[in-house]
Amino acid sequence: MNTDELRAKAEKYLKLEEEALLKISIAVPQDSALYNIAEDYLGMAKDYYSDAKSFMGKNDYINCISAINYSYGWLDAGVRLGILSGSGDHRLFVHYR
């Protein structure tokens, strides 16, 4: 894969992650024992997303894509566990049916 292809993939994944972060929310009540865990999952996703944007700014597309995959993994895991809500979007998130 050449640099242009890597850049295009990184841009595509960043755009998807931005869309996902706009839809995601904490699904458990604030007084729930799981609320802090949900905050941690969301925080990790946002931290990896921030890292991805930093890598993108340095034209480090491999690490950008890697960080986006970690970020998305935190979101998907949280949605799958039921502590985060993906607003029912089955295109962006893996949900139980």
PDB file of N, CA and C in Angstrom:
ATOM      1  N   MET A   1       0.844  -1.167   0.000  1.00  0.00           N
ATOM      2  CA  MET A   1       0.000   0.000   0.000  1.00  0.00           C
ATOM      3  C   MET A   1       0.896   1.238   0.000  1.00  0.00           C
ATOM      4  N   ASN A   2       0.592   2.159  -0.891  1.00  0.00           N
ATOM      5  CA  ASN A   2       1.423   3.368  -0.965  1.00  0.00           C
ATOM      6  C   ASN A   2       0.906   4.448  -0.008  1.00  0.00           C
ATOM      7  N   THR A   3       1.652   5.521   0.077  1.00  0.00           N
ATOM      8  CA  THR A   3       1.351   6.599   1.020  1.00  0.00           C
ATOM      9  C   THR A   3      -0.010   7.232   0.754  1.00  0.00           C
ATOM     10  N   ASP A   4      -0.352   7.426  -0.506  1.00  0.00           N
ATOM     11  CA  ASP A   4      -1.651   8.020  -0.836  1.00  0.00           C
ATOM     12  C   ASP A   4      -2.802   7.121  -0.384  1.00  0.00           C
ATOM     13  N   GLU A   5      -2.641   5.816  -0.558  1.00  0.00           N
ATOM     14  CA  GLU A   5      -3.677   4.875  -0.120  1.00  0.00           C
ATOM     15  C   GLU A   5      -3.798   4.870   1.405  1.00  0.00           C
ATOM     16  N   LEU A   6      -2.664   4.909   2.091  1.00  0.00           N
ATOM     17  CA  LEU A   6      -2.687   4.960   3.560  1.00  0.00           C
ATOM     18  C   LEU A   6      -3.351   6.240   4.056  1.00  0.00           C
ATOM     19  N   ARG A   7      -3.019   7.357   3.428  1.00  0.00           N
ATOM     20  CA  ARG A   7      -3.618   8.632   3.816  1.00  0.00           C
ATOM     21  C   ARG A   7      -5.130   8.588   3.607  1.00  0.00           C
ATOM     22  N   ALA A   8      -5.576   8.037   2.487  1.00  0.00           N
ATOM     23  CA  ALA A   8      -7.012   7.946   2.196  1.00  0.00           C
ATOM     24  C   ALA A   8      -7.730   7.080   3.229  1.00  0.00           C
ATOM     25  N   LYS A   9      -7.116   5.970   3.604  1.00  0.00           N
ATOM     26  CA  LYS A   9      -7.707   5.107   4.635  1.00  0.00           C
ATOM     27  C   LYS A   9      -7.767   5.819   5.980  1.00  0.00           C
ATOM     28  N   ALA A  10      -6.689   6.494   6.334  1.00  0.00           N
ATOM     29  CA  ALA A  10      -6.652   7.221   7.603  1.00  0.00           C
ATOM     30  C   ALA A  10      -7.739   8.293   7.627  1.00  0.00           C
ATOM     31  N   GLU A  11      -7.896   9.028   6.539  1.00  0.00           N
ATOM     32  CA  GLU A  11      -8.941  10.058   6.459  1.00  0.00           C
ATOM     33  C   GLU A  11     -10.327   9.446   6.580  1.00  0.00           C
ATOM     34  N   LYS A  12     -10.537   8.322   5.909  1.00  0.00           N
ATOM     35  CA  LYS A  12     -11.830   7.634   5.959  1.00  0.00           C
ATOM     36  C   LYS A  12     -12.148   7.195   7.389  1.00  0.00           C
ATOM     37  N   TYR A  13     -11.192   6.589   8.054  1.00  0.00           N
ATOM     38  CA  TYR A  13     -11.419   6.087   9.410  1.00  0.00           C
ATOM     39  C   TYR A  13     -11.584   7.227  10.411  1.00  0.00           C
ATOM     40  N   LEU A  14     -10.855   8.315  10.245  1.00  0.00           N
ATOM     41  CA  LEU A  14     -11.042   9.475  11.118  1.00  0.00           C
ATOM     42  C   LEU A  14     -12.456  10.032  10.980  1.00  0.00           C
ATOM     43  N   LYS A  15     -12.940  10.090   9.756  1.00  0.00           N
ATOM     44  CA  LYS A  15     -14.291  10.598   9.499  1.00  0.00           C
ATOM     45  C   LYS A  15     -15.347   9.693  10.147  1.00  0.00           C
ATOM     46  N   LEU A  16     -15.166   8.385  10.029  1.00  0.00           N
ATOM     47  CA  LEU A  16     -16.093   7.444  10.665  1.00  0.00           C
ATOM     48  C   LEU A  16     -16.067   7.589  12.186  1.00  0.00           C
ATOM     49  N   GLU A  17     -14.879   7.753  12.739  1.00  0.00           N
ATOM     50  CA  GLU A  17     -14.747   7.885  14.189  1.00  0.00           C
ATOM     51  C   GLU A  17     -15.399   9.171  14.675  1.00  0.00           C
ATOM     52  N   GLU A  18     -15.236  10.248  13.917  1.00  0.00           N
ATOM     53  CA  GLU A  18     -15.891  11.516  14.275  1.00  0.00           C
ATOM     54  C   GLU A  18     -17.404  11.331  14.310  1.00  0.00           C
ATOM     55  N   GLU A  19     -17.929  10.645  13.319  1.00  0.00           N
ATOM     56  CA  GLU A  19     -19.367  10.367  13.259  1.00  0.00           C
ATOM     57  C   GLU A  19     -19.805   9.518  14.459  1.00  0.00           C
ATOM     58  N   ALA A  20     -19.009   8.511  14.790  1.00  0.00           N
ATOM     59  CA  ALA A  20     -19.324   7.638  15.919  1.00  0.00           C
ATOM     60  C   ALA A  20     -19.312   8.408  17.237  1.00  0.00           C
ATOM     61  N   LEU A  21     -18.322   9.261  17.417  1.00  0.00           N
ATOM     62  CA  LEU A  21     -18.230  10.023  18.667  1.00  0.00           C
ATOM     63  C   LEU A  21     -19.394  10.998  18.829  1.00  0.00           C
ATOM     64  N   LEU A  22     -19.956  11.468  17.724  1.00  0.00           N
ATOM     65  CA  LEU A  22     -21.122  12.343  17.810  1.00  0.00           C
ATOM     66  C   LEU A  22     -22.383  11.581  18.234  1.00  0.00           C
ATOM     67  N   LYS A  23     -22.429  10.286  17.942  1.00  0.00           N
ATOM     68  CA  LYS A  23     -23.609   9.484  18.262  1.00  0.00           C
ATOM     69  C   LYS A  23     -23.536   8.786  19.608  1.00  0.00           C
ATOM     70  N   ILE A  24     -22.355   8.595  20.116  1.00  0.00           N
ATOM     71  CA  ILE A  24     -22.172   7.781  21.331  1.00  0.00           C
ATOM     72  C   ILE A  24     -22.582   8.566  22.577  1.00  0.00           C
ATOM     73  N   SER A  25     -23.132   7.842  23.531  1.00  0.00           N
ATOM     74  CA  SER A  25     -23.451   8.448  24.830  1.00  0.00           C
ATOM     75  C   SER A  25     -23.393   7.363  25.894  1.00  0.00           C
ATOM     76  N   ILE A  26     -23.320   7.786  27.132  1.00  0.00           N
ATOM     77  CA  ILE A  26     -23.317   6.828  28.240  1.00  0.00           C
ATOM     78  C   ILE A  26     -24.741   6.325  28.429  1.00  0.00           C
ATOM     79  N   ALA A  27     -24.896   5.006  28.513  1.00  0.00           N
ATOM     80  CA  ALA A  27     -26.213   4.381  28.539  1.00  0.00           C
ATOM     81  C   ALA A  27     -26.697   4.004  29.940  1.00  0.00           C
ATOM     82  N   VAL A  28     -25.836   4.109  30.921  1.00  0.00           N
ATOM     83  CA  VAL A  28     -26.224   3.709  32.283  1.00  0.00           C
ATOM     84  C   VAL A  28     -26.463   4.958  33.127  1.00  0.00           C
ATOM     85  N   PRO A  29     -27.318   4.849  34.146  1.00  0.00           N
ATOM     86  CA  PRO A  29     -27.588   6.002  35.001  1.00  0.00           C
ATOM     87  C   PRO A  29     -26.332   6.468  35.740  1.00  0.00           C
ATOM     88  N   GLN A  30     -26.292   7.740  36.044  1.00  0.00           N
ATOM     89  CA  GLN A  30     -25.128   8.319  36.704  1.00  0.00           C
ATOM     90  C   GLN A  30     -24.884   7.697  38.082  1.00  0.00           C
ATOM     91  N   ASP A  31     -25.912   7.220  38.735  1.00  0.00           N
ATOM     92  CA  ASP A  31     -25.735   6.613  40.058  1.00  0.00           C
ATOM     93  C   ASP A  31     -25.452   5.109  39.982  1.00  0.00           C
ATOM     94  N   SER A  32     -25.305   4.599  38.763  1.00  0.00           N
ATOM     95  CA  SER A  32     -24.992   3.184  38.559  1.00  0.00           C
ATOM     96  C   SER A  32     -23.520   2.912  38.844  1.00  0.00           C
ATOM     97  N   ALA A  33     -23.236   1.718  39.338  1.00  0.00           N
ATOM     98  CA  ALA A  33     -21.844   1.311  39.565  1.00  0.00           C
ATOM     99  C   ALA A  33     -21.073   1.243  38.242  1.00  0.00           C
ATOM    100  N   LEU A  34     -21.777   1.122  37.142  1.00  0.00           N
ATOM    101  CA  LEU A  34     -21.137   1.019  35.830  1.00  0.00           C
ATOM    102  C   LEU A  34     -20.846   2.379  35.188  1.00  0.00           C
ATOM    103  N   TYR A  35     -21.338   3.442  35.781  1.00  0.00           N
ATOM    104  CA  TYR A  35     -21.164   4.767  35.173  1.00  0.00           C
ATOM    105  C   TYR A  35     -19.684   5.132  35.033  1.00  0.00           C
ATOM    106  N   ASN A  36     -18.911   4.909  36.072  1.00  0.00           N
ATOM    107  CA  ASN A  36     -17.474   5.232  36.002  1.00  0.00           C
ATOM    108  C   ASN A  36     -16.760   4.397  34.950  1.00  0.00           C
ATOM    109  N   ILE A  37     -17.185   3.163  34.797  1.00  0.00           N
ATOM    110  CA  ILE A  37     -16.595   2.304  33.766  1.00  0.00           C
ATOM    111  C   ILE A  37     -16.948   2.844  32.383  1.00  0.00           C
ATOM    112  N   ALA A  38     -18.194   3.258  32.216  1.00  0.00           N
ATOM    113  CA  ALA A  38     -18.612   3.843  30.933  1.00  0.00           C
ATOM    114  C   ALA A  38     -17.805   5.102  30.629  1.00  0.00           C
ATOM    115  N   GLU A  39     -17.592   5.931  31.652  1.00  0.00           N
ATOM    116  CA  GLU A  39     -16.769   7.133  31.469  1.00  0.00           C
ATOM    117  C   GLU A  39     -15.347   6.766  31.057  1.00  0.00           C
ATOM    118  N   ASP A  40     -14.805   5.713  31.663  1.00  0.00           N
ATOM    119  CA  ASP A  40     -13.452   5.260  31.306  1.00  0.00           C
ATOM    120  C   ASP A  40     -13.395   4.800  29.857  1.00  0.00           C
ATOM    121  N   TYR A  41     -14.383   4.009  29.428  1.00  0.00           N
ATOM    122  CA  TYR A  41     -14.417   3.535  28.045  1.00  0.00           C
ATOM    123  C   TYR A  41     -14.471   4.716  27.081  1.00  0.00           C
ATOM    124  N   LEU A  42     -15.360   5.661  27.363  1.00  0.00           N
ATOM    125  CA  LEU A  42     -15.498   6.818  26.500  1.00  0.00           C
ATOM    126  C   LEU A  42     -14.231   7.667  26.526  1.00  0.00           C
ATOM    127  N   GLY A  43     -13.642   7.817  27.690  1.00  0.00           N
ATOM    128  CA  GLY A  43     -12.396   8.570  27.803  1.00  0.00           C
ATOM    129  C   GLY A  43     -11.257   7.938  27.023  1.00  0.00           C
ATOM    130  N   MET A  44     -11.148   6.610  27.103  1.00  0.00           N
ATOM    131  CA  MET A  44     -10.101   5.918  26.340  1.00  0.00           C
ATOM    132  C   MET A  44     -10.316   6.117  24.839  1.00  0.00           C
ATOM    133  N   ALA A  45     -11.564   6.016  24.398  1.00  0.00           N
ATOM    134  CA  ALA A  45     -11.871   6.212  22.973  1.00  0.00           C
ATOM    135  C   ALA A  45     -11.465   7.615  22.536  1.00  0.00           C
ATOM    136  N   LYS A  46     -11.799   8.607  23.346  1.00  0.00           N
ATOM    137  CA  LYS A  46     -11.459   9.991  22.994  1.00  0.00           C
ATOM    138  C   LYS A  46      -9.951  10.227  23.019  1.00  0.00           C
ATOM    139  N   ASP A  47      -9.264   9.611  23.976  1.00  0.00           N
ATOM    140  CA  ASP A  47      -7.807   9.753  24.031  1.00  0.00           C
ATOM    141  C   ASP A  47      -7.139   9.154  22.800  1.00  0.00           C
ATOM    142  N   TYR A  48      -7.562   7.949  22.401  1.00  0.00           N
ATOM    143  CA  TYR A  48      -6.986   7.325  21.205  1.00  0.00           C
ATOM    144  C   TYR A  48      -7.341   8.120  19.946  1.00  0.00           C
ATOM    145  N   TYR A  49      -8.546   8.690  19.909  1.00  0.00           N
ATOM    146  CA  TYR A  49      -8.942   9.530  18.776  1.00  0.00           C
ATOM    147  C   TYR A  49      -8.023  10.760  18.699  1.00  0.00           C
ATOM    148  N   SER A  50      -7.752  11.355  19.846  1.00  0.00           N
ATOM    149  CA  SER A  50      -6.837  12.499  19.892  1.00  0.00           C
ATOM    150  C   SER A  50      -5.447  12.102  19.397  1.00  0.00           C
ATOM    151  N   ASP A  51      -4.988  10.934  19.831  1.00  0.00           N
ATOM    152  CA  ASP A  51      -3.691  10.435  19.362  1.00  0.00           C
ATOM    153  C   ASP A  51      -3.702  10.256  17.841  1.00  0.00           C
ATOM    154  N   ALA A  52      -4.808   9.701  17.328  1.00  0.00           N
ATOM    155  CA  ALA A  52      -4.919   9.469  15.885  1.00  0.00           C
ATOM    156  C   ALA A  52      -4.813  10.782  15.121  1.00  0.00           C
ATOM    157  N   LYS A  53      -5.497  11.812  15.598  1.00  0.00           N
ATOM    158  CA  LYS A  53      -5.426  13.114  14.929  1.00  0.00           C
ATOM    159  C   LYS A  53      -4.010  13.680  14.979  1.00  0.00           C
ATOM    160  N   SER A  54      -3.335  13.458  16.089  1.00  0.00           N
ATOM    161  CA  SER A  54      -1.949  13.913  16.206  1.00  0.00           C
ATOM    162  C   SER A  54      -1.051  13.196  15.202  1.00  0.00           C
ATOM    163  N   PHE A  55      -1.222  11.878  15.103  1.00  0.00           N
ATOM    164  CA  PHE A  55      -0.444  11.110  14.126  1.00  0.00           C
ATOM    165  C   PHE A  55      -0.748  11.576  12.698  1.00  0.00           C
ATOM    166  N   MET A  56      -2.023  11.858  12.434  1.00  0.00           N
ATOM    167  CA  MET A  56      -2.412  12.311  11.099  1.00  0.00           C
ATOM    168  C   MET A  56      -1.704  13.624  10.776  1.00  0.00           C
ATOM    169  N   GLY A  57      -1.629  14.510  11.761  1.00  0.00           N
ATOM    170  CA  GLY A  57      -0.958  15.795  11.566  1.00  0.00           C
ATOM    171  C   GLY A  57       0.524  15.661  11.280  1.00  0.00           C
ATOM    172  N   LYS A  58       1.096  14.520  11.659  1.00  0.00           N
ATOM    173  CA  LYS A  58       2.513  14.251  11.415  1.00  0.00           C
ATOM    174  C   LYS A  58       2.711  13.360  10.189  1.00  0.00           C
ATOM    175  N   ASN A  59       1.617  13.122   9.443  1.00  0.00           N
ATOM    176  CA  ASN A  59       1.634  12.239   8.265  1.00  0.00           C
ATOM    177  C   ASN A  59       2.069  10.820   8.624  1.00  0.00           C
ATOM    178  N   ASP A  60       1.811  10.410   9.843  1.00  0.00           N
ATOM    179  CA  ASP A  60       2.117   9.057  10.315  1.00  0.00           C
ATOM    180  C   ASP A  60       0.825   8.244  10.216  1.00  0.00           C
ATOM    181  N   TYR A  61       0.526   7.808   8.998  1.00  0.00           N
ATOM    182  CA  TYR A  61      -0.764   7.187   8.700  1.00  0.00           C
ATOM    183  C   TYR A  61      -0.930   5.815   9.340  1.00  0.00           C
ATOM    184  N   ILE A  62       0.136   5.060   9.450  1.00  0.00           N
ATOM    185  CA  ILE A  62       0.056   3.731  10.078  1.00  0.00           C
ATOM    186  C   ILE A  62      -0.370   3.864  11.534  1.00  0.00           C
ATOM    187  N   ASN A  63       0.301   4.737  12.278  1.00  0.00           N
ATOM    188  CA  ASN A  63      -0.062   4.913  13.687  1.00  0.00           C
ATOM    189  C   ASN A  63      -1.411   5.600  13.843  1.00  0.00           C
ATOM    190  N   CYS A  64      -1.794   6.451  12.906  1.00  0.00           N
ATOM    191  CA  CYS A  64      -3.111   7.064  12.915  1.00  0.00           C
ATOM    192  C   CYS A  64      -4.186   5.979  12.813  1.00  0.00           C
ATOM    193  N   ILE A  65      -4.041   5.098  11.857  1.00  0.00           N
ATOM    194  CA  ILE A  65      -5.004   4.009  11.662  1.00  0.00           C
ATOM    195  C   ILE A  65      -5.021   3.092  12.880  1.00  0.00           C
ATOM    196  N   SER A  66      -3.861   2.802  13.427  1.00  0.00           N
ATOM    197  CA  SER A  66      -3.791   1.949  14.621  1.00  0.00           C
ATOM    198  C   SER A  66      -4.535   2.589  15.789  1.00  0.00           C
ATOM    199  N   ALA A  67      -4.308   3.875  16.033  1.00  0.00           N
ATOM    200  CA  ALA A  67      -4.971   4.560  17.143  1.00  0.00           C
ATOM    201  C   ALA A  67      -6.484   4.622  16.923  1.00  0.00           C
ATOM    202  N   ILE A  68      -6.905   4.845  15.691  1.00  0.00           N
ATOM    203  CA  ILE A  68      -8.348   4.862  15.395  1.00  0.00           C
ATOM    204  C   ILE A  68      -8.958   3.498  15.685  1.00  0.00           C
ATOM    205  N   ASN A  69      -8.254   2.440  15.333  1.00  0.00           N
ATOM    206  CA  ASN A  69      -8.788   1.096  15.600  1.00  0.00           C
ATOM    207  C   ASN A  69      -8.933   0.844  17.094  1.00  0.00           C
ATOM    208  N   TYR A  70      -7.990   1.294  17.888  1.00  0.00           N
ATOM    209  CA  TYR A  70      -8.119   1.167  19.344  1.00  0.00           C
ATOM    210  C   TYR A  70      -9.309   1.992  19.832  1.00  0.00           C
ATOM    211  N   SER A  71      -9.427   3.222  19.345  1.00  0.00           N
ATOM    212  CA  SER A  71     -10.528   4.090  19.755  1.00  0.00           C
ATOM    213  C   SER A  71     -11.876   3.439  19.437  1.00  0.00           C
ATOM    214  N   TYR A  72     -11.989   2.960  18.233  1.00  0.00           N
ATOM    215  CA  TYR A  72     -13.242   2.336  17.816  1.00  0.00           C
ATOM    216  C   TYR A  72     -13.527   1.075  18.619  1.00  0.00           C
ATOM    217  N   GLY A  73     -12.479   0.345  18.970  1.00  0.00           N
ATOM    218  CA  GLY A  73     -12.638  -0.852  19.784  1.00  0.00           C
ATOM    219  C   GLY A  73     -13.239  -0.539  21.143  1.00  0.00           C
ATOM    220  N   TRP A  74     -12.798   0.550  21.780  1.00  0.00           N
ATOM    221  CA  TRP A  74     -13.362   0.956  23.067  1.00  0.00           C
ATOM    222  C   TRP A  74     -14.840   1.296  22.911  1.00  0.00           C
ATOM    223  N   LEU A  75     -15.184   2.016  21.843  1.00  0.00           N
ATOM    224  CA  LEU A  75     -16.587   2.363  21.629  1.00  0.00           C
ATOM    225  C   LEU A  75     -17.437   1.122  21.394  1.00  0.00           C
ATOM    226  N   ASP A  76     -16.992   0.271  20.491  1.00  0.00           N
ATOM    227  CA  ASP A  76     -17.755  -0.943  20.183  1.00  0.00           C
ATOM    228  C   ASP A  76     -17.909  -1.843  21.404  1.00  0.00           C
ATOM    229  N   ALA A  77     -16.849  -1.986  22.177  1.00  0.00           N
ATOM    230  CA  ALA A  77     -16.922  -2.823  23.380  1.00  0.00           C
ATOM    231  C   ALA A  77     -17.933  -2.240  24.365  1.00  0.00           C
ATOM    232  N   GLY A  78     -17.923  -0.930  24.531  1.00  0.00           N
ATOM    233  CA  GLY A  78     -18.866  -0.291  25.441  1.00  0.00           C
ATOM    234  C   GLY A  78     -20.301  -0.442  24.988  1.00  0.00           C
ATOM    235  N   VAL A  79     -20.534  -0.316  23.691  1.00  0.00           N
ATOM    236  CA  VAL A  79     -21.882  -0.506  23.152  1.00  0.00           C
ATOM    237  C   VAL A  79     -22.307  -1.956  23.325  1.00  0.00           C
ATOM    238  N   ARG A  80     -21.419  -2.854  23.022  1.00  0.00           N
ATOM    239  CA  ARG A  80     -21.736  -4.290  23.134  1.00  0.00           C
ATOM    240  C   ARG A  80     -22.046  -4.679  24.581  1.00  0.00           C
ATOM    241  N   LEU A  81     -21.341  -4.065  25.531  1.00  0.00           N
ATOM    242  CA  LEU A  81     -21.595  -4.329  26.945  1.00  0.00           C
ATOM    243  C   LEU A  81     -22.873  -3.663  27.446  1.00  0.00           C
ATOM    244  N   GLY A  82     -23.347  -2.660  26.719  1.00  0.00           N
ATOM    245  CA  GLY A  82     -24.550  -1.953  27.121  1.00  0.00           C
ATOM    246  C   GLY A  82     -24.293  -0.760  28.025  1.00  0.00           C
ATOM    247  N   ILE A  83     -23.033  -0.382  28.196  1.00  0.00           N
ATOM    248  CA  ILE A  83     -22.728   0.784  29.039  1.00  0.00           C
ATOM    249  C   ILE A  83     -22.651   2.069  28.208  1.00  0.00           C
ATOM    250  N   LEU A  84     -22.483   1.926  26.912  1.00  0.00           N
ATOM    251  CA  LEU A  84     -22.524   3.050  25.986  1.00  0.00           C
ATOM    252  C   LEU A  84     -23.656   2.805  25.000  1.00  0.00           C
ATOM    253  N   SER A  85     -24.243   3.874  24.528  1.00  0.00           N
ATOM    254  CA  SER A  85     -25.304   3.776  23.532  1.00  0.00           C
ATOM    255  C   SER A  85     -24.792   4.297  22.202  1.00  0.00           C
ATOM    256  N   GLY A  86     -25.014   3.526  21.179  1.00  0.00           N
ATOM    257  CA  GLY A  86     -24.673   3.945  19.823  1.00  0.00           C
ATOM    258  C   GLY A  86     -25.873   4.471  19.077  1.00  0.00           C
ATOM    259  N   SER A  87     -26.891   4.866  19.815  1.00  0.00           N
ATOM    260  CA  SER A  87     -28.122   5.436  19.240  1.00  0.00           C
ATOM    261  C   SER A  87     -28.772   4.491  18.233  1.00  0.00           C
ATOM    262  N   GLY A  88     -28.594   3.187  18.439  1.00  0.00           N
ATOM    263  CA  GLY A  88     -29.217   2.196  17.558  1.00  0.00           C
ATOM    264  C   GLY A  88     -28.605   2.115  16.172  1.00  0.00           C
ATOM    265  N   ASP A  89     -27.460   2.733  15.974  1.00  0.00           N
ATOM    266  CA  ASP A  89     -26.828   2.744  14.655  1.00  0.00           C
ATOM    267  C   ASP A  89     -26.030   1.451  14.437  1.00  0.00           C
ATOM    268  N   HIS A  90     -26.627   0.540  13.697  1.00  0.00           N
ATOM    269  CA  HIS A  90     -25.987  -0.756  13.434  1.00  0.00           C
ATOM    270  C   HIS A  90     -24.912  -0.663  12.354  1.00  0.00           C
ATOM    271  N   ARG A  91     -24.866   0.448  11.651  1.00  0.00           N
ATOM    272  CA  ARG A  91     -23.804   0.639  10.660  1.00  0.00           C
ATOM    273  C   ARG A  91     -22.489   0.995  11.357  1.00  0.00           C
ATOM    274  N   LEU A  92     -22.575   1.810  12.411  1.00  0.00           N
ATOM    275  CA  LEU A  92     -21.368   2.268  13.095  1.00  0.00           C
ATOM    276  C   LEU A  92     -20.944   1.372  14.258  1.00  0.00           C
ATOM    277  N   PHE A  93     -21.903   0.687  14.872  1.00  0.00           N
ATOM    278  CA  PHE A  93     -21.605  -0.062  16.089  1.00  0.00           C
ATOM    279  C   PHE A  93     -22.148  -1.484  16.016  1.00  0.00           C
ATOM    280  N   VAL A  94     -21.495  -2.382  16.751  1.00  0.00           N
ATOM    281  CA  VAL A  94     -21.946  -3.761  16.867  1.00  0.00           C
ATOM    282  C   VAL A  94     -22.914  -3.830  18.059  1.00  0.00           C
ATOM    283  N   HIS A  95     -24.145  -4.198  17.784  1.00  0.00           N
ATOM    284  CA  HIS A  95     -25.164  -4.300  18.825  1.00  0.00           C
ATOM    285  C   HIS A  95     -25.610  -5.746  18.947  1.00  0.00           C
ATOM    286  N   TYR A  96     -26.060  -6.097  20.149  1.00  0.00           N
ATOM    287  CA  TYR A  96     -26.773  -7.359  20.299  1.00  0.00           C
ATOM    288  C   TYR A  96     -28.133  -7.176  19.657  1.00  0.00           C
ATOM    289  N   ARG A  97     -28.653  -8.237  19.080  1.00  0.00           N
ATOM    290  CA  ARG A  97     -29.999  -8.159  18.470  1.00  0.00           C
ATOM    291  C   ARG A  97     -30.939  -9.055  19.206  1.00  0.00           C
TER     292      ARG A  97
END
